[in-house]
């Protein structure tokens, strides 16, 4: 699975931030990496130099043969924004891919129940 990190205006992606993002996404990779082709991380500084809670992180995961999945978070710094978005992405993927697995198991169970 490929991870693409895109800085926005007002957000610098340091090596430390990149490492933190990859660590935050490691659980997603372990749980869902086989089902994903790519994850794109986008940042935006919403208030510019004014400060405050203004670092916005949007993470888009691309599951194989499915529509992209999106999770977002805004925080005071890019590290917290990325961690929050990664946690949200994990929940969204769990819901989306879990429902698909349930449907597949249901279809297999139904096929087993039909008399020959």
PDB file of N, CA and C in Angstrom:
ATOM      1  N   UNK A   1       0.847  -1.171   0.000  1.00  0.00           N
ATOM      2  CA  UNK A   1       0.000   0.000   0.000  1.00  0.00           C
ATOM      3  C   UNK A   1       0.898   1.242   0.000  1.00  0.00           C
ATOM      4  N   UNK A   2       0.547   2.175  -0.836  1.00  0.00           N
ATOM      5  CA  UNK A   2       1.315   3.408  -0.985  1.00  0.00           C
ATOM      6  C   UNK A   2       0.693   4.515  -0.122  1.00  0.00           C
ATOM      7  N   UNK A   3       1.542   5.299   0.565  1.00  0.00           N
ATOM      8  CA  UNK A   3       1.086   6.454   1.337  1.00  0.00           C
ATOM      9  C   UNK A   3       1.676   7.699   0.685  1.00  0.00           C
ATOM     10  N   UNK A   4       0.796   8.602   0.274  1.00  0.00           N
ATOM     11  CA  UNK A   4       1.208   9.845  -0.380  1.00  0.00           C
ATOM     12  C   UNK A   4       0.832  11.004   0.544  1.00  0.00           C
ATOM     13  N   UNK A   5       1.814  11.836   0.917  1.00  0.00           N
ATOM     14  CA  UNK A   5       1.594  12.949   1.836  1.00  0.00           C
ATOM     15  C   UNK A   5       1.730  14.252   1.063  1.00  0.00           C
ATOM     16  N   UNK A   6       0.673  15.064   1.108  1.00  0.00           N
ATOM     17  CA  UNK A   6       0.626  16.316   0.356  1.00  0.00           C
ATOM     18  C   UNK A   6       0.508  17.504   1.311  1.00  0.00           C
ATOM     19  N   UNK A   7       1.536  18.326   1.406  1.00  0.00           N
ATOM     20  CA  UNK A   7       1.423  19.512   2.260  1.00  0.00           C
ATOM     21  C   UNK A   7       0.542  20.557   1.589  1.00  0.00           C
ATOM     22  N   UNK A   8      -0.149  21.312   2.390  1.00  0.00           N
ATOM     23  CA  UNK A   8      -0.932  22.420   1.861  1.00  0.00           C
ATOM     24  C   UNK A   8      -0.218  23.718   2.197  1.00  0.00           C
ATOM     25  N   UNK A   9      -0.782  24.823   1.766  1.00  0.00           N
ATOM     26  CA  UNK A   9      -0.204  26.124   2.078  1.00  0.00           C
ATOM     27  C   UNK A   9      -0.166  26.309   3.590  1.00  0.00           C
ATOM     28  N   UNK A  10       0.987  26.688   4.102  1.00  0.00           N
ATOM     29  CA  UNK A  10       1.124  26.931   5.529  1.00  0.00           C
ATOM     30  C   UNK A  10       1.461  25.708   6.357  1.00  0.00           C
ATOM     31  N   UNK A  11       1.638  24.555   5.722  1.00  0.00           N
ATOM     32  CA  UNK A  11       1.985  23.330   6.455  1.00  0.00           C
ATOM     33  C   UNK A  11       3.253  22.748   5.844  1.00  0.00           C
ATOM     34  N   UNK A  12       4.294  22.654   6.656  1.00  0.00           N
ATOM     35  CA  UNK A  12       5.569  22.068   6.224  1.00  0.00           C
ATOM     36  C   UNK A  12       5.615  20.618   6.700  1.00  0.00           C
ATOM     37  N   UNK A  13       5.947  19.713   5.801  1.00  0.00           N
ATOM     38  CA  UNK A  13       6.043  18.294   6.153  1.00  0.00           C
ATOM     39  C   UNK A  13       7.504  17.985   6.470  1.00  0.00           C
ATOM     40  N   UNK A  14       7.831  17.964   7.752  1.00  0.00           N
ATOM     41  CA  UNK A  14       9.186  17.616   8.178  1.00  0.00           C
ATOM     42  C   UNK A  14       9.320  16.094   8.197  1.00  0.00           C
ATOM     43  N   UNK A  15      10.545  15.623   8.348  1.00  0.00           N
ATOM     44  CA  UNK A  15      10.763  14.175   8.453  1.00  0.00           C
ATOM     45  C   UNK A  15      10.051  13.628   9.687  1.00  0.00           C
ATOM     46  N   UNK A  16      10.068  14.394  10.787  1.00  0.00           N
ATOM     47  CA  UNK A  16       9.406  13.954  12.019  1.00  0.00           C
ATOM     48  C   UNK A  16       7.896  13.849  11.814  1.00  0.00           C
ATOM     49  N   UNK A  17       7.297  14.815  11.127  1.00  0.00           N
ATOM     50  CA  UNK A  17       5.858  14.769  10.861  1.00  0.00           C
ATOM     51  C   UNK A  17       5.526  13.605   9.944  1.00  0.00           C
ATOM     52  N   UNK A  18       6.326  13.400   8.919  1.00  0.00           N
ATOM     53  CA  UNK A  18       6.093  12.276   8.008  1.00  0.00           C
ATOM     54  C   UNK A  18       6.164  10.948   8.763  1.00  0.00           C
ATOM     55  N   UNK A  19       7.153  10.801   9.636  1.00  0.00           N
ATOM     56  CA  UNK A  19       7.280   9.575  10.436  1.00  0.00           C
ATOM     57  C   UNK A  19       6.064   9.404  11.349  1.00  0.00           C
ATOM     58  N   UNK A  20       5.605  10.477  11.957  1.00  0.00           N
ATOM     59  CA  UNK A  20       4.433  10.424  12.827  1.00  0.00           C
ATOM     60  C   UNK A  20       3.183   9.999  12.048  1.00  0.00           C
ATOM     61  N   UNK A  21       3.034  10.527  10.851  1.00  0.00           N
ATOM     62  CA  UNK A  21       1.888  10.159  10.006  1.00  0.00           C
ATOM     63  C   UNK A  21       1.940   8.671   9.684  1.00  0.00           C
ATOM     64  N   UNK A  22       3.105   8.192   9.286  1.00  0.00           N
ATOM     65  CA  UNK A  22       3.241   6.771   8.941  1.00  0.00           C
ATOM     66  C   UNK A  22       2.974   5.871  10.161  1.00  0.00           C
ATOM     67  N   UNK A  23       3.421   6.304  11.339  1.00  0.00           N
ATOM     68  CA  UNK A  23       3.137   5.544  12.558  1.00  0.00           C
ATOM     69  C   UNK A  23       1.652   5.559  12.865  1.00  0.00           C
ATOM     70  N   UNK A  24       0.996   6.706  12.684  1.00  0.00           N
ATOM     71  CA  UNK A  24      -0.439   6.808  12.931  1.00  0.00           C
ATOM     72  C   UNK A  24      -1.230   5.908  11.992  1.00  0.00           C
ATOM     73  N   UNK A  25      -0.732   5.708  10.778  1.00  0.00           N
ATOM     74  CA  UNK A  25      -1.424   4.881   9.795  1.00  0.00           C
ATOM     75  C   UNK A  25      -0.996   3.409   9.841  1.00  0.00           C
ATOM     76  N   UNK A  26      -0.073   3.067  10.732  1.00  0.00           N
ATOM     77  CA  UNK A  26       0.417   1.684  10.778  1.00  0.00           C
ATOM     78  C   UNK A  26      -0.685   0.699  11.147  1.00  0.00           C
ATOM     79  N   UNK A  27      -1.585   1.077  12.043  1.00  0.00           N
ATOM     80  CA  UNK A  27      -2.695   0.192  12.410  1.00  0.00           C
ATOM     81  C   UNK A  27      -3.624  -0.008  11.218  1.00  0.00           C
ATOM     82  N   UNK A  28      -3.891   1.068  10.499  1.00  0.00           N
ATOM     83  CA  UNK A  28      -4.725   0.973   9.298  1.00  0.00           C
ATOM     84  C   UNK A  28      -4.065   0.028   8.297  1.00  0.00           C
ATOM     85  N   UNK A  29      -2.759   0.164   8.126  1.00  0.00           N
ATOM     86  CA  UNK A  29      -2.023  -0.686   7.194  1.00  0.00           C
ATOM     87  C   UNK A  29      -2.083  -2.152   7.616  1.00  0.00           C
ATOM     88  N   UNK A  30      -1.868  -2.418   8.915  1.00  0.00           N
ATOM     89  CA  UNK A  30      -1.916  -3.808   9.394  1.00  0.00           C
ATOM     90  C   UNK A  30      -3.300  -4.424   9.208  1.00  0.00           C
ATOM     91  N   UNK A  31      -4.335  -3.664   9.528  1.00  0.00           N
ATOM     92  CA  UNK A  31      -5.695  -4.206   9.478  1.00  0.00           C
ATOM     93  C   UNK A  31      -6.265  -4.267   8.064  1.00  0.00           C
ATOM     94  N   UNK A  32      -5.998  -3.248   7.256  1.00  0.00           N
ATOM     95  CA  UNK A  32      -6.687  -3.125   5.977  1.00  0.00           C
ATOM     96  C   UNK A  32      -5.763  -3.004   4.774  1.00  0.00           C
ATOM     97  N   UNK A  33      -4.461  -3.079   4.978  1.00  0.00           N
ATOM     98  CA  UNK A  33      -3.500  -2.873   3.902  1.00  0.00           C
ATOM     99  C   UNK A  33      -3.725  -3.751   2.684  1.00  0.00           C
ATOM    100  N   UNK A  34      -4.170  -4.988   2.890  1.00  0.00           N
ATOM    101  CA  UNK A  34      -4.424  -5.892   1.771  1.00  0.00           C
ATOM    102  C   UNK A  34      -5.601  -5.438   0.917  1.00  0.00           C
ATOM    103  N   UNK A  35      -6.482  -4.620   1.482  1.00  0.00           N
ATOM    104  CA  UNK A  35      -7.678  -4.163   0.782  1.00  0.00           C
ATOM    105  C   UNK A  35      -7.505  -2.779   0.152  1.00  0.00           C
ATOM    106  N   UNK A  36      -6.378  -2.110   0.447  1.00  0.00           N
ATOM    107  CA  UNK A  36      -6.178  -0.739  -0.014  1.00  0.00           C
ATOM    108  C   UNK A  36      -5.070  -0.660  -1.056  1.00  0.00           C
ATOM    109  N   UNK A  37      -5.246   0.241  -2.011  1.00  0.00           N
ATOM    110  CA  UNK A  37      -4.189   0.463  -2.995  1.00  0.00           C
ATOM    111  C   UNK A  37      -3.324   1.654  -2.611  1.00  0.00           C
ATOM    112  N   UNK A  38      -3.970   2.681  -2.008  1.00  0.00           N
ATOM    113  CA  UNK A  38      -3.238   3.902  -1.702  1.00  0.00           C
ATOM    114  C   UNK A  38      -3.962   4.687  -0.623  1.00  0.00           C
ATOM    115  N   UNK A  39      -3.174   5.441   0.153  1.00  0.00           N
ATOM    116  CA  UNK A  39      -3.714   6.404   1.105  1.00  0.00           C
ATOM    117  C   UNK A  39      -3.085   7.752   0.778  1.00  0.00           C
ATOM    118  N   UNK A  40      -3.934   8.764   0.655  1.00  0.00           N
ATOM    119  CA  UNK A  40      -3.455  10.123   0.405  1.00  0.00           C
ATOM    120  C   UNK A  40      -3.761  10.983   1.622  1.00  0.00           C
ATOM    121  N   UNK A  41      -2.752  11.708   2.097  1.00  0.00           N
ATOM    122  CA  UNK A  41      -2.888  12.592   3.255  1.00  0.00           C
ATOM    123  C   UNK A  41      -2.728  14.025   2.754  1.00  0.00           C
ATOM    124  N   UNK A  42      -3.719  14.870   3.038  1.00  0.00           N
ATOM    125  CA  UNK A  42      -3.704  16.267   2.607  1.00  0.00           C
ATOM    126  C   UNK A  42      -3.812  17.174   3.830  1.00  0.00           C
ATOM    127  N   UNK A  43      -3.020  18.232   3.852  1.00  0.00           N
ATOM    128  CA  UNK A  43      -3.060  19.207   4.943  1.00  0.00           C
ATOM    129  C   UNK A  43      -3.479  20.569   4.422  1.00  0.00           C
ATOM    130  N   UNK A  44      -4.058  21.344   5.327  1.00  0.00           N
ATOM    131  CA  UNK A  44      -4.415  22.726   5.022  1.00  0.00           C
ATOM    132  C   UNK A  44      -4.326  23.544   6.304  1.00  0.00           C
ATOM    133  N   UNK A  45      -3.761  24.732   6.206  1.00  0.00           N
ATOM    134  CA  UNK A  45      -3.737  25.677   7.316  1.00  0.00           C
ATOM    135  C   UNK A  45      -4.916  26.612   7.093  1.00  0.00           C
ATOM    136  N   UNK A  46      -5.971  26.440   7.880  1.00  0.00           N
ATOM    137  CA  UNK A  46      -7.221  27.145   7.595  1.00  0.00           C
ATOM    138  C   UNK A  46      -7.223  28.608   8.020  1.00  0.00           C
ATOM    139  N   UNK A  47      -6.403  28.991   9.011  1.00  0.00           N
ATOM    140  CA  UNK A  47      -6.390  30.378   9.493  1.00  0.00           C
ATOM    141  C   UNK A  47      -5.135  31.147   9.125  1.00  0.00           C
ATOM    142  N   UNK A  48      -4.222  30.519   8.437  1.00  0.00           N
ATOM    143  CA  UNK A  48      -2.976  31.194   8.086  1.00  0.00           C
ATOM    144  C   UNK A  48      -2.180  31.549   9.334  1.00  0.00           C
ATOM    145  N   UNK A  49      -1.563  32.713   9.386  1.00  0.00           N
ATOM    146  CA  UNK A  49      -0.704  33.076  10.519  1.00  0.00           C
ATOM    147  C   UNK A  49      -1.473  33.450  11.796  1.00  0.00           C
ATOM    148  N   UNK A  50      -2.796  33.446  11.764  1.00  0.00           N
ATOM    149  CA  UNK A  50      -3.582  33.818  12.946  1.00  0.00           C
ATOM    150  C   UNK A  50      -3.439  32.813  14.082  1.00  0.00           C
ATOM    151  N   UNK A  51      -3.116  31.568  13.765  1.00  0.00           N
ATOM    152  CA  UNK A  51      -2.955  30.539  14.788  1.00  0.00           C
ATOM    153  C   UNK A  51      -4.285  29.939  15.207  1.00  0.00           C
ATOM    154  N   UNK A  52      -4.271  29.262  16.357  1.00  0.00           N
ATOM    155  CA  UNK A  52      -5.482  28.610  16.846  1.00  0.00           C
ATOM    156  C   UNK A  52      -5.634  27.218  16.278  1.00  0.00           C
ATOM    157  N   UNK A  53      -6.830  26.686  16.396  1.00  0.00           N
ATOM    158  CA  UNK A  53      -7.124  25.333  15.887  1.00  0.00           C
ATOM    159  C   UNK A  53      -7.329  25.463  14.386  1.00  0.00           C
ATOM    160  N   UNK A  54      -6.233  25.295  13.661  1.00  0.00           N
ATOM    161  CA  UNK A  54      -6.314  25.611  12.240  1.00  0.00           C
ATOM    162  C   UNK A  54      -5.598  24.644  11.305  1.00  0.00           C
ATOM    163  N   UNK A  55      -5.062  23.553  11.810  1.00  0.00           N
ATOM    164  CA  UNK A  55      -4.414  22.580  10.930  1.00  0.00           C
ATOM    165  C   UNK A  55      -5.439  21.494  10.607  1.00  0.00           C
ATOM    166  N   UNK A  56      -5.781  21.414   9.345  1.00  0.00           N
ATOM    167  CA  UNK A  56      -6.796  20.463   8.898  1.00  0.00           C
ATOM    168  C   UNK A  56      -6.108  19.336   8.136  1.00  0.00           C
ATOM    169  N   UNK A  57      -6.444  18.106   8.486  1.00  0.00           N
ATOM    170  CA  UNK A  57      -5.886  16.931   7.812  1.00  0.00           C
ATOM    171  C   UNK A  57      -7.031  16.119   7.222  1.00  0.00           C
ATOM    172  N   UNK A  58      -6.908  15.800   5.958  1.00  0.00           N
ATOM    173  CA  UNK A  58      -7.881  14.957   5.265  1.00  0.00           C
ATOM    174  C   UNK A  58      -7.141  13.726   4.746  1.00  0.00           C
ATOM    175  N   UNK A  59      -7.608  12.565   5.124  1.00  0.00           N
ATOM    176  CA  UNK A  59      -6.981  11.315   4.667  1.00  0.00           C
ATOM    177  C   UNK A  59      -7.988  10.570   3.807  1.00  0.00           C
ATOM    178  N   UNK A  60      -7.550  10.228   2.625  1.00  0.00           N
ATOM    179  CA  UNK A  60      -8.397   9.503   1.679  1.00  0.00           C
ATOM    180  C   UNK A  60      -7.778   8.137   1.426  1.00  0.00           C
ATOM    181  N   UNK A  61      -8.545   7.098   1.709  1.00  0.00           N
ATOM    182  CA  UNK A  61      -8.085   5.729   1.458  1.00  0.00           C
ATOM    183  C   UNK A  61      -8.800   5.206   0.219  1.00  0.00           C
ATOM    184  N   UNK A  62      -8.067   4.450  -0.572  1.00  0.00           N
ATOM    185  CA  UNK A  62      -8.639   3.908  -1.805  1.00  0.00           C
ATOM    186  C   UNK A  62      -8.680   2.377  -1.733  1.00  0.00           C
ATOM    187  N   UNK A  63      -9.836   1.847  -1.321  1.00  0.00           N
ATOM    188  CA  UNK A  63      -9.990   0.383  -1.296  1.00  0.00           C
ATOM    189  C   UNK A  63     -10.091  -0.163  -2.719  1.00  0.00           C
ATOM    190  N   UNK A  64      -9.631  -1.373  -2.897  1.00  0.00           N
ATOM    191  CA  UNK A  64      -9.727  -2.027  -4.206  1.00  0.00           C
ATOM    192  C   UNK A  64     -11.201  -2.211  -4.582  1.00  0.00           C
ATOM    193  N   UNK A  65     -11.532  -1.835  -5.803  1.00  0.00           N
ATOM    194  CA  UNK A  65     -12.870  -2.018  -6.384  1.00  0.00           C
ATOM    195  C   UNK A  65     -13.996  -1.340  -5.602  1.00  0.00           C
ATOM    196  N   UNK A  66     -13.670  -0.319  -4.793  1.00  0.00           N
ATOM    197  CA  UNK A  66     -14.683   0.424  -4.049  1.00  0.00           C
ATOM    198  C   UNK A  66     -14.417   1.920  -4.180  1.00  0.00           C
ATOM    199  N   UNK A  67     -15.423   2.715  -3.830  1.00  0.00           N
ATOM    200  CA  UNK A  67     -15.248   4.166  -3.814  1.00  0.00           C
ATOM    201  C   UNK A  67     -14.277   4.561  -2.706  1.00  0.00           C
ATOM    202  N   UNK A  68     -13.573   5.678  -2.880  1.00  0.00           N
ATOM    203  CA  UNK A  68     -12.644   6.149  -1.839  1.00  0.00           C
ATOM    204  C   UNK A  68     -13.372   6.424  -0.522  1.00  0.00           C
ATOM    205  N   UNK A  69     -12.625   6.294   0.569  1.00  0.00           N
ATOM    206  CA  UNK A  69     -13.131   6.528   1.924  1.00  0.00           C
ATOM    207  C   UNK A  69     -12.379   7.734   2.468  1.00  0.00           C
ATOM    208  N   UNK A  70     -13.099   8.648   3.140  1.00  0.00           N
ATOM    209  CA  UNK A  70     -12.522   9.894   3.595  1.00  0.00           C
ATOM    210  C   UNK A  70     -12.684  10.056   5.098  1.00  0.00           C
ATOM    211  N   UNK A  71     -11.630  10.579   5.753  1.00  0.00           N
ATOM    212  CA  UNK A  71     -11.685  10.932   7.181  1.00  0.00           C
ATOM    213  C   UNK A  71     -10.948  12.250   7.351  1.00  0.00           C
ATOM    214  N   UNK A  72     -11.480  13.116   8.213  1.00  0.00           N
ATOM    215  CA  UNK A  72     -10.892  14.435   8.416  1.00  0.00           C
ATOM    216  C   UNK A  72     -10.801  14.772   9.898  1.00  0.00           C
ATOM    217  N   UNK A  73      -9.882  15.679  10.211  1.00  0.00           N
ATOM    218  CA  UNK A  73      -9.743  16.174  11.577  1.00  0.00           C
ATOM    219  C   UNK A  73      -9.034  17.523  11.539  1.00  0.00           C
ATOM    220  N   UNK A  74      -9.407  18.395  12.464  1.00  0.00           N
ATOM    221  CA  UNK A  74      -8.764  19.700  12.601  1.00  0.00           C
ATOM    222  C   UNK A  74      -8.250  19.828  14.025  1.00  0.00           C
ATOM    223  N   UNK A  75      -7.029  20.321  14.174  1.00  0.00           N
ATOM    224  CA  UNK A  75      -6.408  20.454  15.499  1.00  0.00           C
ATOM    225  C   UNK A  75      -5.446  21.639  15.478  1.00  0.00           C
ATOM    226  N   UNK A  76      -4.828  21.901  16.649  1.00  0.00           N
ATOM    227  CA  UNK A  76      -3.880  23.010  16.760  1.00  0.00           C
ATOM    228  C   UNK A  76      -2.611  22.794  15.961  1.00  0.00           C
ATOM    229  N   UNK A  77      -2.172  21.534  15.877  1.00  0.00           N
ATOM    230  CA  UNK A  77      -0.970  21.274  15.084  1.00  0.00           C
ATOM    231  C   UNK A  77      -1.207  20.097  14.141  1.00  0.00           C
ATOM    232  N   UNK A  78      -0.316  19.974  13.165  1.00  0.00           N
ATOM    233  CA  UNK A  78      -0.469  18.958  12.126  1.00  0.00           C
ATOM    234  C   UNK A  78      -0.358  17.546  12.689  1.00  0.00           C
ATOM    235  N   UNK A  79       0.451  17.352  13.734  1.00  0.00           N
ATOM    236  CA  UNK A  79       0.601  16.029  14.337  1.00  0.00           C
ATOM    237  C   UNK A  79      -0.730  15.535  14.891  1.00  0.00           C
ATOM    238  N   UNK A  80      -1.388  16.391  15.696  1.00  0.00           N
ATOM    239  CA  UNK A  80      -2.675  16.003  16.284  1.00  0.00           C
ATOM    240  C   UNK A  80      -3.758  15.843  15.222  1.00  0.00           C
ATOM    241  N   UNK A  81      -3.734  16.706  14.224  1.00  0.00           N
ATOM    242  CA  UNK A  81      -4.722  16.608  13.145  1.00  0.00           C
ATOM    243  C   UNK A  81      -4.580  15.277  12.412  1.00  0.00           C
ATOM    244  N   UNK A  82      -3.340  14.861  12.132  1.00  0.00           N
ATOM    245  CA  UNK A  82      -3.105  13.600  11.425  1.00  0.00           C
ATOM    246  C   UNK A  82      -3.484  12.405  12.286  1.00  0.00           C
ATOM    247  N   UNK A  83      -3.134  12.430  13.573  1.00  0.00           N
ATOM    248  CA  UNK A  83      -3.500  11.309  14.452  1.00  0.00           C
ATOM    249  C   UNK A  83      -5.012  11.146  14.547  1.00  0.00           C
ATOM    250  N   UNK A  84      -5.713  12.257  14.704  1.00  0.00           N
ATOM    251  CA  UNK A  84      -7.173  12.200  14.790  1.00  0.00           C
ATOM    252  C   UNK A  84      -7.804  11.693  13.505  1.00  0.00           C
ATOM    253  N   UNK A  85      -7.303  12.158  12.368  1.00  0.00           N
ATOM    254  CA  UNK A  85      -7.837  11.707  11.082  1.00  0.00           C
ATOM    255  C   UNK A  85      -7.552  10.219  10.863  1.00  0.00           C
ATOM    256  N   UNK A  86      -6.380   9.745  11.292  1.00  0.00           N
ATOM    257  CA  UNK A  86      -6.038   8.321  11.146  1.00  0.00           C
ATOM    258  C   UNK A  86      -6.965   7.449  11.991  1.00  0.00           C
ATOM    259  N   UNK A  87      -7.269   7.897  13.229  1.00  0.00           N
ATOM    260  CA  UNK A  87      -8.209   7.138  14.076  1.00  0.00           C
ATOM    261  C   UNK A  87      -9.597   7.079  13.433  1.00  0.00           C
ATOM    262  N   UNK A  88     -10.029   8.197  12.883  1.00  0.00           N
ATOM    263  CA  UNK A  88     -11.334   8.233  12.218  1.00  0.00           C
ATOM    264  C   UNK A  88     -11.349   7.341  10.984  1.00  0.00           C
ATOM    265  N   UNK A  89     -10.248   7.357  10.235  1.00  0.00           N
ATOM    266  CA  UNK A  89     -10.163   6.520   9.038  1.00  0.00           C
ATOM    267  C   UNK A  89     -10.280   5.046   9.407  1.00  0.00           C
ATOM    268  N   UNK A  90      -9.629   4.654  10.481  1.00  0.00           N
ATOM    269  CA  UNK A  90      -9.706   3.256  10.912  1.00  0.00           C
ATOM    270  C   UNK A  90     -11.162   2.862  11.218  1.00  0.00           C
ATOM    271  N   UNK A  91     -11.890   3.726  11.906  1.00  0.00           N
ATOM    272  CA  UNK A  91     -13.294   3.428  12.221  1.00  0.00           C
ATOM    273  C   UNK A  91     -14.149   3.340  10.956  1.00  0.00           C
ATOM    274  N   UNK A  92     -13.905   4.270  10.013  1.00  0.00           N
ATOM    275  CA  UNK A  92     -14.684   4.270   8.779  1.00  0.00           C
ATOM    276  C   UNK A  92     -14.391   3.006   7.966  1.00  0.00           C
ATOM    277  N   UNK A  93     -13.120   2.646   7.855  1.00  0.00           N
ATOM    278  CA  UNK A  93     -12.757   1.430   7.116  1.00  0.00           C
ATOM    279  C   UNK A  93     -13.306   0.188   7.800  1.00  0.00           C
ATOM    280  N   UNK A  94     -13.271   0.167   9.113  1.00  0.00           N
ATOM    281  CA  UNK A  94     -13.825  -0.968   9.856  1.00  0.00           C
ATOM    282  C   UNK A  94     -15.301  -1.129   9.529  1.00  0.00           C
ATOM    283  N   UNK A  95     -16.005  -0.024   9.502  1.00  0.00           N
ATOM    284  CA  UNK A  95     -17.434  -0.063   9.187  1.00  0.00           C
ATOM    285  C   UNK A  95     -17.658  -0.490   7.740  1.00  0.00           C
ATOM    286  N   UNK A  96     -16.975   0.152   6.811  1.00  0.00           N
ATOM    287  CA  UNK A  96     -17.190  -0.128   5.384  1.00  0.00           C
ATOM    288  C   UNK A  96     -16.763  -1.538   5.007  1.00  0.00           C
ATOM    289  N   UNK A  97     -15.548  -1.919   5.365  1.00  0.00           N
ATOM    290  CA  UNK A  97     -15.042  -3.236   4.974  1.00  0.00           C
ATOM    291  C   UNK A  97     -15.672  -4.338   5.819  1.00  0.00           C
ATOM    292  N   UNK A  98     -16.038  -4.025   7.052  1.00  0.00           N
ATOM    293  CA  UNK A  98     -16.732  -5.000   7.892  1.00  0.00           C
ATOM    294  C   UNK A  98     -18.086  -5.348   7.325  1.00  0.00           C
ATOM    295  N   UNK A  99     -18.824  -4.365   6.809  1.00  0.00           N
ATOM    296  CA  UNK A  99     -20.130  -4.611   6.197  1.00  0.00           C
ATOM    297  C   UNK A  99     -19.989  -5.491   4.965  1.00  0.00           C
ATOM    298  N   UNK A 100     -18.955  -5.245   4.167  1.00  0.00           N
ATOM    299  CA  UNK A 100     -18.728  -6.072   2.985  1.00  0.00           C
ATOM    300  C   UNK A 100     -18.437  -7.512   3.373  1.00  0.00           C
ATOM    301  N   UNK A 101     -17.612  -7.698   4.402  1.00  0.00           N
ATOM    302  CA  UNK A 101     -17.283  -9.050   4.859  1.00  0.00           C
ATOM    303  C   UNK A 101     -18.538  -9.747   5.373  1.00  0.00           C
ATOM    304  N   UNK A 102     -19.399  -9.020   6.095  1.00  0.00           N
ATOM    305  CA  UNK A 102     -20.648  -9.602   6.585  1.00  0.00           C
ATOM    306  C   UNK A 102     -21.542 -10.031   5.430  1.00  0.00           C
ATOM    307  N   UNK A 103     -21.636  -9.208   4.376  1.00  0.00           N
ATOM    308  CA  UNK A 103     -22.449  -9.555   3.212  1.00  0.00           C
ATOM    309  C   UNK A 103     -21.909 -10.810   2.533  1.00  0.00           C
ATOM    310  N   UNK A 104     -20.584 -10.883   2.396  1.00  0.00           N
ATOM    311  CA  UNK A 104     -19.976 -12.042   1.750  1.00  0.00           C
ATOM    312  C   UNK A 104     -20.228 -13.309   2.559  1.00  0.00           C
ATOM    313  N   UNK A 105     -20.074 -13.200   3.884  1.00  0.00           N
ATOM    314  CA  UNK A 105     -20.335 -14.368   4.738  1.00  0.00           C
ATOM    315  C   UNK A 105     -21.801 -14.776   4.655  1.00  0.00           C
ATOM    316  N   UNK A 106     -22.695 -13.790   4.598  1.00  0.00           N
ATOM    317  CA  UNK A 106     -24.130 -14.081   4.488  1.00  0.00           C
ATOM    318  C   UNK A 106     -24.463 -14.773   3.186  1.00  0.00           C
ATOM    319  N   UNK A 107     -23.859 -14.330   2.089  1.00  0.00           N
ATOM    320  CA  UNK A 107     -24.101 -14.952   0.792  1.00  0.00           C
ATOM    321  C   UNK A 107     -23.556 -16.377   0.765  1.00  0.00           C
ATOM    322  N   UNK A 108     -22.394 -16.606   1.371  1.00  0.00           N
ATOM    323  CA  UNK A 108     -21.825 -17.955   1.427  1.00  0.00           C
ATOM    324  C   UNK A 108     -22.696 -18.860   2.283  1.00  0.00           C
ATOM    325  N   UNK A 109     -23.178 -18.339   3.389  1.00  0.00           N
ATOM    326  CA  UNK A 109     -24.034 -19.127   4.289  1.00  0.00           C
ATOM    327  C   UNK A 109     -25.343 -19.480   3.589  1.00  0.00           C
ATOM    328  N   UNK A 110     -25.912 -18.525   2.862  1.00  0.00           N
ATOM    329  CA  UNK A 110     -27.163 -18.747   2.148  1.00  0.00           C
ATOM    330  C   UNK A 110     -26.966 -19.813   1.074  1.00  0.00           C
ATOM    331  N   UNK A 111     -25.838 -19.774   0.368  1.00  0.00           N
ATOM    332  CA  UNK A 111     -25.549 -20.762  -0.675  1.00  0.00           C
ATOM    333  C   UNK A 111     -25.401 -22.153  -0.080  1.00  0.00           C
ATOM    334  N   UNK A 112     -24.844 -22.231   1.128  1.00  0.00           N
ATOM    335  CA  UNK A 112     -24.675 -23.523   1.792  1.00  0.00           C
ATOM    336  C   UNK A 112     -26.019 -24.093   2.225  1.00  0.00           C
ATOM    337  N   UNK A 113     -26.975 -23.230   2.516  1.00  0.00           N
ATOM    338  CA  UNK A 113     -28.283 -23.663   3.017  1.00  0.00           C
ATOM    339  C   UNK A 113     -29.208 -24.163   1.936  1.00  0.00           C
ATOM    340  N   UNK A 114     -28.968 -23.809   0.679  1.00  0.00           N
ATOM    341  CA  UNK A 114     -29.844 -24.206  -0.406  1.00  0.00           C
ATOM    342  C   UNK A 114     -29.647 -25.675  -0.726  1.00  0.00           C
ATOM    343  N   UNK A 115     -30.769 -26.420  -0.854  1.00  0.00           N
ATOM    344  CA  UNK A 115     -30.663 -27.857  -1.207  1.00  0.00           C
ATOM    345  C   UNK A 115     -30.208 -28.014  -2.641  1.00  0.00           C
ATOM    346  N   UNK A 116     -29.548 -29.100  -2.888  1.00  0.00           N
ATOM    347  CA  UNK A 116     -29.027 -29.348  -4.253  1.00  0.00           C
ATOM    348  C   UNK A 116     -30.009 -30.104  -5.081  1.00  0.00           C
TER     349      UNK A 116
END
